[in-house]
Amino acid sequence: MTAVQLQPVRSVPPDYHHFKKIGSEEVHTIEAYERTVSGTPYNDPQRQFSTNTYTERRTYGRDENGELVVKIEKDISKGHARSDA
């Protein structure tokens, strides 16, 4: 049985210039948060819940040294109009 060694992936800013694209994907993410707001020794603490949703595009590529890198763009749906004509 042969062991496969995974390459580390380094994140780069979206305006990174030395980049050769090898693939991309869009991911819809929902983050959920819970925090304790108040409480006393005589009653249960009150909890507050919140969520954050966003879509991000992950573009995979290689930099000038051939290392695997990923560009992450968040909220791609806000600034781009899409036409299905």
PDB file of N, CA and C in Angstrom:
ATOM      1  N   MET A   1       0.850  -1.173   0.000  1.00  0.00           N
ATOM      2  CA  MET A   1       0.000   0.000   0.000  1.00  0.00           C
ATOM      3  C   MET A   1       0.896   1.236   0.000  1.00  0.00           C
ATOM      4  N   THR A   2       0.607   2.171  -0.887  1.00  0.00           N
ATOM      5  CA  THR A   2       1.399   3.372  -1.023  1.00  0.00           C
ATOM      6  C   THR A   2       0.723   4.528  -0.302  1.00  0.00           C
ATOM      7  N   ALA A   3       1.484   5.221   0.521  1.00  0.00           N
ATOM      8  CA  ALA A   3       0.953   6.378   1.237  1.00  0.00           C
ATOM      9  C   ALA A   3       1.004   7.597   0.325  1.00  0.00           C
ATOM     10  N   VAL A   4      -0.058   8.387   0.356  1.00  0.00           N
ATOM     11  CA  VAL A   4      -0.117   9.595  -0.451  1.00  0.00           C
ATOM     12  C   VAL A   4       0.136  10.787   0.454  1.00  0.00           C
ATOM     13  N   GLN A   5       1.125  11.588   0.096  1.00  0.00           N
ATOM     14  CA  GLN A   5       1.442  12.771   0.884  1.00  0.00           C
ATOM     15  C   GLN A   5       0.757  13.974   0.247  1.00  0.00           C
ATOM     16  N   LEU A   6      -0.106  14.649   1.010  1.00  0.00           N
ATOM     17  CA  LEU A   6      -0.811  15.810   0.512  1.00  0.00           C
ATOM     18  C   LEU A   6       0.073  17.036   0.579  1.00  0.00           C
ATOM     19  N   GLN A   7      -0.023  17.875  -0.455  1.00  0.00           N
ATOM     20  CA  GLN A   7       0.741  19.113  -0.469  1.00  0.00           C
ATOM     21  C   GLN A   7       0.020  20.162   0.361  1.00  0.00           C
ATOM     22  N   PRO A   8       0.742  20.961   1.128  1.00  0.00           N
ATOM     23  CA  PRO A   8       0.083  22.057   1.840  1.00  0.00           C
ATOM     24  C   PRO A   8      -0.417  23.096   0.846  1.00  0.00           C
ATOM     25  N   VAL A   9      -1.567  23.694   1.150  1.00  0.00           N
ATOM     26  CA  VAL A   9      -2.146  24.714   0.288  1.00  0.00           C
ATOM     27  C   VAL A   9      -2.011  26.049   0.983  1.00  0.00           C
ATOM     28  N   ARG A  10      -1.435  27.016   0.288  1.00  0.00           N
ATOM     29  CA  ARG A  10      -1.223  28.353   0.831  1.00  0.00           C
ATOM     30  C   ARG A  10      -2.270  29.289   0.258  1.00  0.00           C
ATOM     31  N   SER A  11      -2.873  30.123   1.096  1.00  0.00           N
ATOM     32  CA  SER A  11      -3.867  31.090   0.652  1.00  0.00           C
ATOM     33  C   SER A  11      -3.173  32.371   0.216  1.00  0.00           C
ATOM     34  N   VAL A  12      -3.619  32.926  -0.918  1.00  0.00           N
ATOM     35  CA  VAL A  12      -3.054  34.171  -1.434  1.00  0.00           C
ATOM     36  C   VAL A  12      -4.179  35.176  -1.650  1.00  0.00           C
ATOM     37  N   PRO A  13      -3.878  36.478  -1.682  1.00  0.00           N
ATOM     38  CA  PRO A  13      -4.924  37.486  -1.896  1.00  0.00           C
ATOM     39  C   PRO A  13      -5.483  37.405  -3.323  1.00  0.00           C
ATOM     40  N   PRO A  14      -6.726  37.875  -3.534  1.00  0.00           N
ATOM     41  CA  PRO A  14      -7.338  37.795  -4.866  1.00  0.00           C
ATOM     42  C   PRO A  14      -6.574  38.530  -5.962  1.00  0.00           C
ATOM     43  N   ASP A  15      -5.768  39.535  -5.613  1.00  0.00           N
ATOM     44  CA  ASP A  15      -5.021  40.273  -6.637  1.00  0.00           C
ATOM     45  C   ASP A  15      -3.608  39.723  -6.851  1.00  0.00           C
ATOM     46  N   TYR A  16      -3.342  38.504  -6.400  1.00  0.00           N
ATOM     47  CA  TYR A  16      -2.035  37.863  -6.557  1.00  0.00           C
ATOM     48  C   TYR A  16      -1.777  37.621  -8.050  1.00  0.00           C
ATOM     49  N   HIS A  17      -0.622  38.075  -8.579  1.00  0.00           N
ATOM     50  CA  HIS A  17      -0.385  38.061 -10.016  1.00  0.00           C
ATOM     51  C   HIS A  17       0.313  36.800 -10.520  1.00  0.00           C
ATOM     52  N   HIS A  18       1.182  36.200  -9.746  1.00  0.00           N
ATOM     53  CA  HIS A  18       1.944  35.033 -10.192  1.00  0.00           C
ATOM     54  C   HIS A  18       1.135  33.782  -9.908  1.00  0.00           C
ATOM     55  N   PHE A  19       0.198  33.484 -10.808  1.00  0.00           N
ATOM     56  CA  PHE A  19      -0.789  32.449 -10.518  1.00  0.00           C
ATOM     57  C   PHE A  19      -1.191  31.759 -11.813  1.00  0.00           C
ATOM     58  N   LYS A  20      -1.096  30.429 -11.834  1.00  0.00           N
ATOM     59  CA  LYS A  20      -1.548  29.641 -12.970  1.00  0.00           C
ATOM     60  C   LYS A  20      -2.738  28.809 -12.510  1.00  0.00           C
ATOM     61  N   LYS A  21      -3.931  29.133 -13.022  1.00  0.00           N
ATOM     62  CA  LYS A  21      -5.170  28.508 -12.574  1.00  0.00           C
ATOM     63  C   LYS A  21      -5.236  27.038 -12.984  1.00  0.00           C
ATOM     64  N   ILE A  22      -5.647  26.171 -12.021  1.00  0.00           N
ATOM     65  CA  ILE A  22      -5.833  24.754 -12.328  1.00  0.00           C
ATOM     66  C   ILE A  22      -7.250  24.274 -11.994  1.00  0.00           C
ATOM     67  N   GLY A  23      -8.077  25.127 -11.372  1.00  0.00           N
ATOM     68  CA  GLY A  23      -9.459  24.740 -11.066  1.00  0.00           C
ATOM     69  C   GLY A  23     -10.085  25.716 -10.100  1.00  0.00           C
ATOM     70  N   SER A  24     -11.435  25.637  -9.971  1.00  0.00           N
ATOM     71  CA  SER A  24     -12.122  26.509  -9.028  1.00  0.00           C
ATOM     72  C   SER A  24     -13.417  25.860  -8.571  1.00  0.00           C
ATOM     73  N   GLU A  25     -13.970  26.395  -7.484  1.00  0.00           N
ATOM     74  CA  GLU A  25     -15.248  25.925  -6.959  1.00  0.00           C
ATOM     75  C   GLU A  25     -15.911  27.064  -6.215  1.00  0.00           C
ATOM     76  N   GLU A  26     -17.248  27.027  -6.151  1.00  0.00           N
ATOM     77  CA  GLU A  26     -18.005  28.001  -5.373  1.00  0.00           C
ATOM     78  C   GLU A  26     -18.621  27.275  -4.190  1.00  0.00           C
ATOM     79  N   VAL A  27     -18.527  27.894  -3.006  1.00  0.00           N
ATOM     80  CA  VAL A  27     -18.973  27.274  -1.771  1.00  0.00           C
ATOM     81  C   VAL A  27     -19.924  28.223  -1.055  1.00  0.00           C
ATOM     82  N   HIS A  28     -21.106  27.725  -0.661  1.00  0.00           N
ATOM     83  CA  HIS A  28     -22.045  28.510   0.136  1.00  0.00           C
ATOM     84  C   HIS A  28     -21.827  28.109   1.593  1.00  0.00           C
ATOM     85  N   THR A  29     -21.487  29.072   2.436  1.00  0.00           N
ATOM     86  CA  THR A  29     -21.119  28.798   3.822  1.00  0.00           C
ATOM     87  C   THR A  29     -22.111  29.444   4.777  1.00  0.00           C
ATOM     88  N   ILE A  30     -22.507  28.705   5.787  1.00  0.00           N
ATOM     89  CA  ILE A  30     -23.354  29.226   6.861  1.00  0.00           C
ATOM     90  C   ILE A  30     -22.599  29.026   8.166  1.00  0.00           C
ATOM     91  N   GLU A  31     -22.291  30.131   8.838  1.00  0.00           N
ATOM     92  CA  GLU A  31     -21.626  30.073  10.139  1.00  0.00           C
ATOM     93  C   GLU A  31     -22.671  30.351  11.208  1.00  0.00           C
ATOM     94  N   ALA A  32     -22.688  29.535  12.246  1.00  0.00           N
ATOM     95  CA  ALA A  32     -23.632  29.735  13.349  1.00  0.00           C
ATOM     96  C   ALA A  32     -22.844  30.038  14.618  1.00  0.00           C
ATOM     97  N   TYR A  33     -23.335  31.013  15.385  1.00  0.00           N
ATOM     98  CA  TYR A  33     -22.671  31.427  16.618  1.00  0.00           C
ATOM     99  C   TYR A  33     -23.651  31.345  17.772  1.00  0.00           C
ATOM    100  N   GLU A  34     -23.136  31.018  18.936  1.00  0.00           N
ATOM    101  CA  GLU A  34     -23.926  31.013  20.164  1.00  0.00           C
ATOM    102  C   GLU A  34     -23.084  31.661  21.248  1.00  0.00           C
ATOM    103  N   ARG A  35     -23.713  32.562  22.006  1.00  0.00           N
ATOM    104  CA  ARG A  35     -22.975  33.169  23.109  1.00  0.00           C
ATOM    105  C   ARG A  35     -23.894  33.310  24.311  1.00  0.00           C
ATOM    106  N   THR A  36     -23.308  33.264  25.497  1.00  0.00           N
ATOM    107  CA  THR A  36     -24.045  33.433  26.742  1.00  0.00           C
ATOM    108  C   THR A  36     -24.182  34.924  27.022  1.00  0.00           C
ATOM    109  N   VAL A  37     -25.429  35.369  27.208  1.00  0.00           N
ATOM    110  CA  VAL A  37     -25.688  36.788  27.410  1.00  0.00           C
ATOM    111  C   VAL A  37     -25.715  37.125  28.892  1.00  0.00           C
ATOM    112  N   SER A  38     -26.459  36.362  29.688  1.00  0.00           N
ATOM    113  CA  SER A  38     -26.549  36.636  31.117  1.00  0.00           C
ATOM    114  C   SER A  38     -26.943  35.369  31.850  1.00  0.00           C
ATOM    115  N   GLY A  39     -26.873  35.425  33.130  1.00  0.00           N
ATOM    116  CA  GLY A  39     -27.261  34.289  33.963  1.00  0.00           C
ATOM    117  C   GLY A  39     -26.930  34.565  35.412  1.00  0.00           C
ATOM    118  N   THR A  40     -27.617  33.890  36.295  1.00  0.00           N
ATOM    119  CA  THR A  40     -27.367  34.022  37.730  1.00  0.00           C
ATOM    120  C   THR A  40     -27.202  32.631  38.303  1.00  0.00           C
ATOM    121  N   PRO A  41     -26.775  32.531  39.545  1.00  0.00           N
ATOM    122  CA  PRO A  41     -26.663  31.207  40.154  1.00  0.00           C
ATOM    123  C   PRO A  41     -28.016  30.512  40.326  1.00  0.00           C
ATOM    124  N   TYR A  42     -29.124  31.275  40.188  1.00  0.00           N
ATOM    125  CA  TYR A  42     -30.450  30.710  40.446  1.00  0.00           C
ATOM    126  C   TYR A  42     -31.227  30.357  39.180  1.00  0.00           C
ATOM    127  N   ASN A  43     -30.777  30.806  38.017  1.00  0.00           N
ATOM    128  CA  ASN A  43     -31.461  30.415  36.787  1.00  0.00           C
ATOM    129  C   ASN A  43     -30.435  30.131  35.688  1.00  0.00           C
ATOM    130  N   ASP A  44     -30.913  29.502  34.628  1.00  0.00           N
ATOM    131  CA  ASP A  44     -30.023  29.156  33.528  1.00  0.00           C
ATOM    132  C   ASP A  44     -29.591  30.413  32.774  1.00  0.00           C
ATOM    133  N   PRO A  45     -28.399  30.380  32.244  1.00  0.00           N
ATOM    134  CA  PRO A  45     -27.946  31.540  31.470  1.00  0.00           C
ATOM    135  C   PRO A  45     -28.758  31.689  30.183  1.00  0.00           C
ATOM    136  N   GLN A  46     -28.960  32.920  29.767  1.00  0.00           N
ATOM    137  CA  GLN A  46     -29.637  33.210  28.508  1.00  0.00           C
ATOM    138  C   GLN A  46     -28.613  33.097  27.377  1.00  0.00           C
ATOM    139  N   ARG A  47     -29.054  32.546  26.268  1.00  0.00           N
ATOM    140  CA  ARG A  47     -28.147  32.392  25.128  1.00  0.00           C
ATOM    141  C   ARG A  47     -28.668  33.195  23.949  1.00  0.00           C
ATOM    142  N   GLN A  48     -27.737  33.707  23.166  1.00  0.00           N
ATOM    143  CA  GLN A  48     -28.076  34.452  21.968  1.00  0.00           C
ATOM    144  C   GLN A  48     -27.467  33.726  20.774  1.00  0.00           C
ATOM    145  N   PHE A  49     -28.262  33.546  19.717  1.00  0.00           N
ATOM    146  CA  PHE A  49     -27.813  32.831  18.532  1.00  0.00           C
ATOM    147  C   PHE A  49     -27.785  33.783  17.350  1.00  0.00           C
ATOM    148  N   SER A  50     -26.814  33.609  16.479  1.00  0.00           N
ATOM    149  CA  SER A  50     -26.742  34.404  15.258  1.00  0.00           C
ATOM    150  C   SER A  50     -26.099  33.564  14.160  1.00  0.00           C
ATOM    151  N   THR A  51     -26.355  33.955  12.921  1.00  0.00           N
ATOM    152  CA  THR A  51     -25.769  33.250  11.784  1.00  0.00           C
ATOM    153  C   THR A  51     -25.191  34.261  10.806  1.00  0.00           C
ATOM    154  N   ASN A  52     -24.271  33.790  10.007  1.00  0.00           N
ATOM    155  CA  ASN A  52     -23.658  34.579   8.949  1.00  0.00           C
ATOM    156  C   ASN A  52     -23.580  33.670   7.725  1.00  0.00           C
ATOM    157  N   THR A  53     -24.155  34.107   6.609  1.00  0.00           N
ATOM    158  CA  THR A  53     -24.090  33.304   5.387  1.00  0.00           C
ATOM    159  C   THR A  53     -23.362  34.098   4.309  1.00  0.00           C
ATOM    160  N   TYR A  54     -22.585  33.400   3.521  1.00  0.00           N
ATOM    161  CA  TYR A  54     -21.883  34.030   2.411  1.00  0.00           C
ATOM    162  C   TYR A  54     -21.481  32.966   1.399  1.00  0.00           C
ATOM    163  N   THR A  55     -21.179  33.430   0.213  1.00  0.00           N
ATOM    164  CA  THR A  55     -20.692  32.556  -0.847  1.00  0.00           C
ATOM    165  C   THR A  55     -19.262  32.971  -1.169  1.00  0.00           C
ATOM    166  N   GLU A  56     -18.410  31.990  -1.337  1.00  0.00           N
ATOM    167  CA  GLU A  56     -17.039  32.312  -1.702  1.00  0.00           C
ATOM    168  C   GLU A  56     -16.591  31.452  -2.868  1.00  0.00           C
ATOM    169  N   ARG A  57     -15.715  32.023  -3.690  1.00  0.00           N
ATOM    170  CA  ARG A  57     -15.123  31.299  -4.803  1.00  0.00           C
ATOM    171  C   ARG A  57     -13.688  30.965  -4.429  1.00  0.00           C
ATOM    172  N   ARG A  58     -13.345  29.697  -4.538  1.00  0.00           N
ATOM    173  CA  ARG A  58     -11.974  29.244  -4.275  1.00  0.00           C
ATOM    174  C   ARG A  58     -11.361  28.850  -5.611  1.00  0.00           C
ATOM    175  N   THR A  59     -10.304  29.551  -5.994  1.00  0.00           N
ATOM    176  CA  THR A  59      -9.612  29.273  -7.244  1.00  0.00           C
ATOM    177  C   THR A  59      -8.250  28.679  -6.904  1.00  0.00           C
ATOM    178  N   TYR A  60      -8.031  27.459  -7.371  1.00  0.00           N
ATOM    179  CA  TYR A  60      -6.788  26.752  -7.084  1.00  0.00           C
ATOM    180  C   TYR A  60      -5.807  26.949  -8.230  1.00  0.00           C
ATOM    181  N   GLY A  61      -4.539  27.058  -7.893  1.00  0.00           N
ATOM    182  CA  GLY A  61      -3.516  27.237  -8.912  1.00  0.00           C
ATOM    183  C   GLY A  61      -2.133  26.983  -8.356  1.00  0.00           C
ATOM    184  N   ARG A  62      -1.160  27.326  -9.146  1.00  0.00           N
ATOM    185  CA  ARG A  62       0.247  27.178  -8.744  1.00  0.00           C
ATOM    186  C   ARG A  62       0.930  28.534  -8.881  1.00  0.00           C
ATOM    187  N   ASP A  63       1.814  28.824  -7.923  1.00  0.00           N
ATOM    188  CA  ASP A  63       2.548  30.087  -7.968  1.00  0.00           C
ATOM    189  C   ASP A  63       3.796  29.934  -8.828  1.00  0.00           C
ATOM    190  N   GLU A  64       4.645  30.959  -8.824  1.00  0.00           N
ATOM    191  CA  GLU A  64       5.845  30.943  -9.660  1.00  0.00           C
ATOM    192  C   GLU A  64       6.835  29.847  -9.283  1.00  0.00           C
ATOM    193  N   ASN A  65       6.726  29.302  -8.066  1.00  0.00           N
ATOM    194  CA  ASN A  65       7.611  28.218  -7.627  1.00  0.00           C
ATOM    195  C   ASN A  65       6.972  26.848  -7.805  1.00  0.00           C
ATOM    196  N   GLY A  66       5.757  26.803  -8.352  1.00  0.00           N
ATOM    197  CA  GLY A  66       5.066  25.531  -8.555  1.00  0.00           C
ATOM    198  C   GLY A  66       4.322  25.037  -7.326  1.00  0.00           C
ATOM    199  N   GLU A  67       4.246  25.854  -6.267  1.00  0.00           N
ATOM    200  CA  GLU A  67       3.536  25.444  -5.060  1.00  0.00           C
ATOM    201  C   GLU A  67       2.038  25.651  -5.244  1.00  0.00           C
ATOM    202  N   LEU A  68       1.250  24.782  -4.626  1.00  0.00           N
ATOM    203  CA  LEU A  68      -0.199  24.857  -4.705  1.00  0.00           C
ATOM    204  C   LEU A  68      -0.703  26.000  -3.839  1.00  0.00           C
ATOM    205  N   VAL A  69      -1.504  26.905  -4.443  1.00  0.00           N
ATOM    206  CA  VAL A  69      -2.049  28.062  -3.738  1.00  0.00           C
ATOM    207  C   VAL A  69      -3.544  28.159  -4.043  1.00  0.00           C
ATOM    208  N   VAL A  70      -4.272  28.890  -3.192  1.00  0.00           N
ATOM    209  CA  VAL A  70      -5.704  29.098  -3.408  1.00  0.00           C
ATOM    210  C   VAL A  70      -6.030  30.573  -3.184  1.00  0.00           C
ATOM    211  N   LYS A  71      -6.825  31.148  -4.102  1.00  0.00           N
ATOM    212  CA  LYS A  71      -7.356  32.498  -3.944  1.00  0.00           C
ATOM    213  C   LYS A  71      -8.782  32.336  -3.438  1.00  0.00           C
ATOM    214  N   ILE A  72      -9.160  33.098  -2.411  1.00  0.00           N
ATOM    215  CA  ILE A  72     -10.511  33.016  -1.860  1.00  0.00           C
ATOM    216  C   ILE A  72     -11.162  34.384  -1.990  1.00  0.00           C
ATOM    217  N   GLU A  73     -12.296  34.438  -2.714  1.00  0.00           N
ATOM    218  CA  GLU A  73     -13.074  35.657  -2.878  1.00  0.00           C
ATOM    219  C   GLU A  73     -14.406  35.452  -2.156  1.00  0.00           C
ATOM    220  N   LYS A  74     -14.700  36.289  -1.156  1.00  0.00           N
ATOM    221  CA  LYS A  74     -15.952  36.168  -0.408  1.00  0.00           C
ATOM    222  C   LYS A  74     -17.029  37.046  -0.999  1.00  0.00           C
ATOM    223  N   ASP A  75     -18.293  36.636  -0.783  1.00  0.00           N
ATOM    224  CA  ASP A  75     -19.480  37.371  -1.240  1.00  0.00           C
ATOM    225  C   ASP A  75     -19.410  37.688  -2.728  1.00  0.00           C
ATOM    226  N   ILE A  76     -19.153  36.680  -3.527  1.00  0.00           N
ATOM    227  CA  ILE A  76     -19.045  36.875  -4.964  1.00  0.00           C
ATOM    228  C   ILE A  76     -20.381  37.216  -5.600  1.00  0.00           C
ATOM    229  N   SER A  77     -21.487  36.867  -4.951  1.00  0.00           N
ATOM    230  CA  SER A  77     -22.806  37.122  -5.536  1.00  0.00           C
ATOM    231  C   SER A  77     -23.247  38.569  -5.376  1.00  0.00           C
ATOM    232  N   LYS A  78     -22.636  39.344  -4.484  1.00  0.00           N
ATOM    233  CA  LYS A  78     -23.068  40.720  -4.241  1.00  0.00           C
ATOM    234  C   LYS A  78     -22.715  41.656  -5.382  1.00  0.00           C
ATOM    235  N   GLY A  79     -21.532  41.549  -5.934  1.00  0.00           N
ATOM    236  CA  GLY A  79     -21.089  42.528  -6.906  1.00  0.00           C
ATOM    237  C   GLY A  79     -21.195  42.092  -8.351  1.00  0.00           C
ATOM    238  N   HIS A  80     -21.675  40.901  -8.609  1.00  0.00           N
ATOM    239  CA  HIS A  80     -21.676  40.401  -9.982  1.00  0.00           C
ATOM    240  C   HIS A  80     -23.096  40.079 -10.420  1.00  0.00           C
ATOM    241  N   ALA A  81     -23.509  40.693 -11.517  1.00  0.00           N
ATOM    242  CA  ALA A  81     -24.809  40.375 -12.104  1.00  0.00           C
ATOM    243  C   ALA A  81     -24.619  39.208 -13.062  1.00  0.00           C
ATOM    244  N   ARG A  82     -25.557  38.300 -13.060  1.00  0.00           N
ATOM    245  CA  ARG A  82     -25.459  37.132 -13.909  1.00  0.00           C
ATOM    246  C   ARG A  82     -26.612  37.135 -14.896  1.00  0.00           C
ATOM    247  N   SER A  83     -26.322  36.878 -16.142  1.00  0.00           N
ATOM    248  CA  SER A  83     -27.351  36.851 -17.163  1.00  0.00           C
ATOM    249  C   SER A  83     -27.395  35.461 -17.761  1.00  0.00           C
ATOM    250  N   ASP A  84     -28.567  34.846 -17.748  1.00  0.00           N
ATOM    251  CA  ASP A  84     -28.741  33.514 -18.334  1.00  0.00           C
ATOM    252  C   ASP A  84     -29.467  33.631 -19.671  1.00  0.00           C
ATOM    253  N   ALA A  85     -28.875  34.322 -20.619  1.00  0.00           N
ATOM    254  CA  ALA A  85     -29.515  34.536 -21.912  1.00  0.00           C
ATOM    255  C   ALA A  85     -29.126  33.459 -22.894  1.00  0.00           C
TER     256      ALA A  85
END
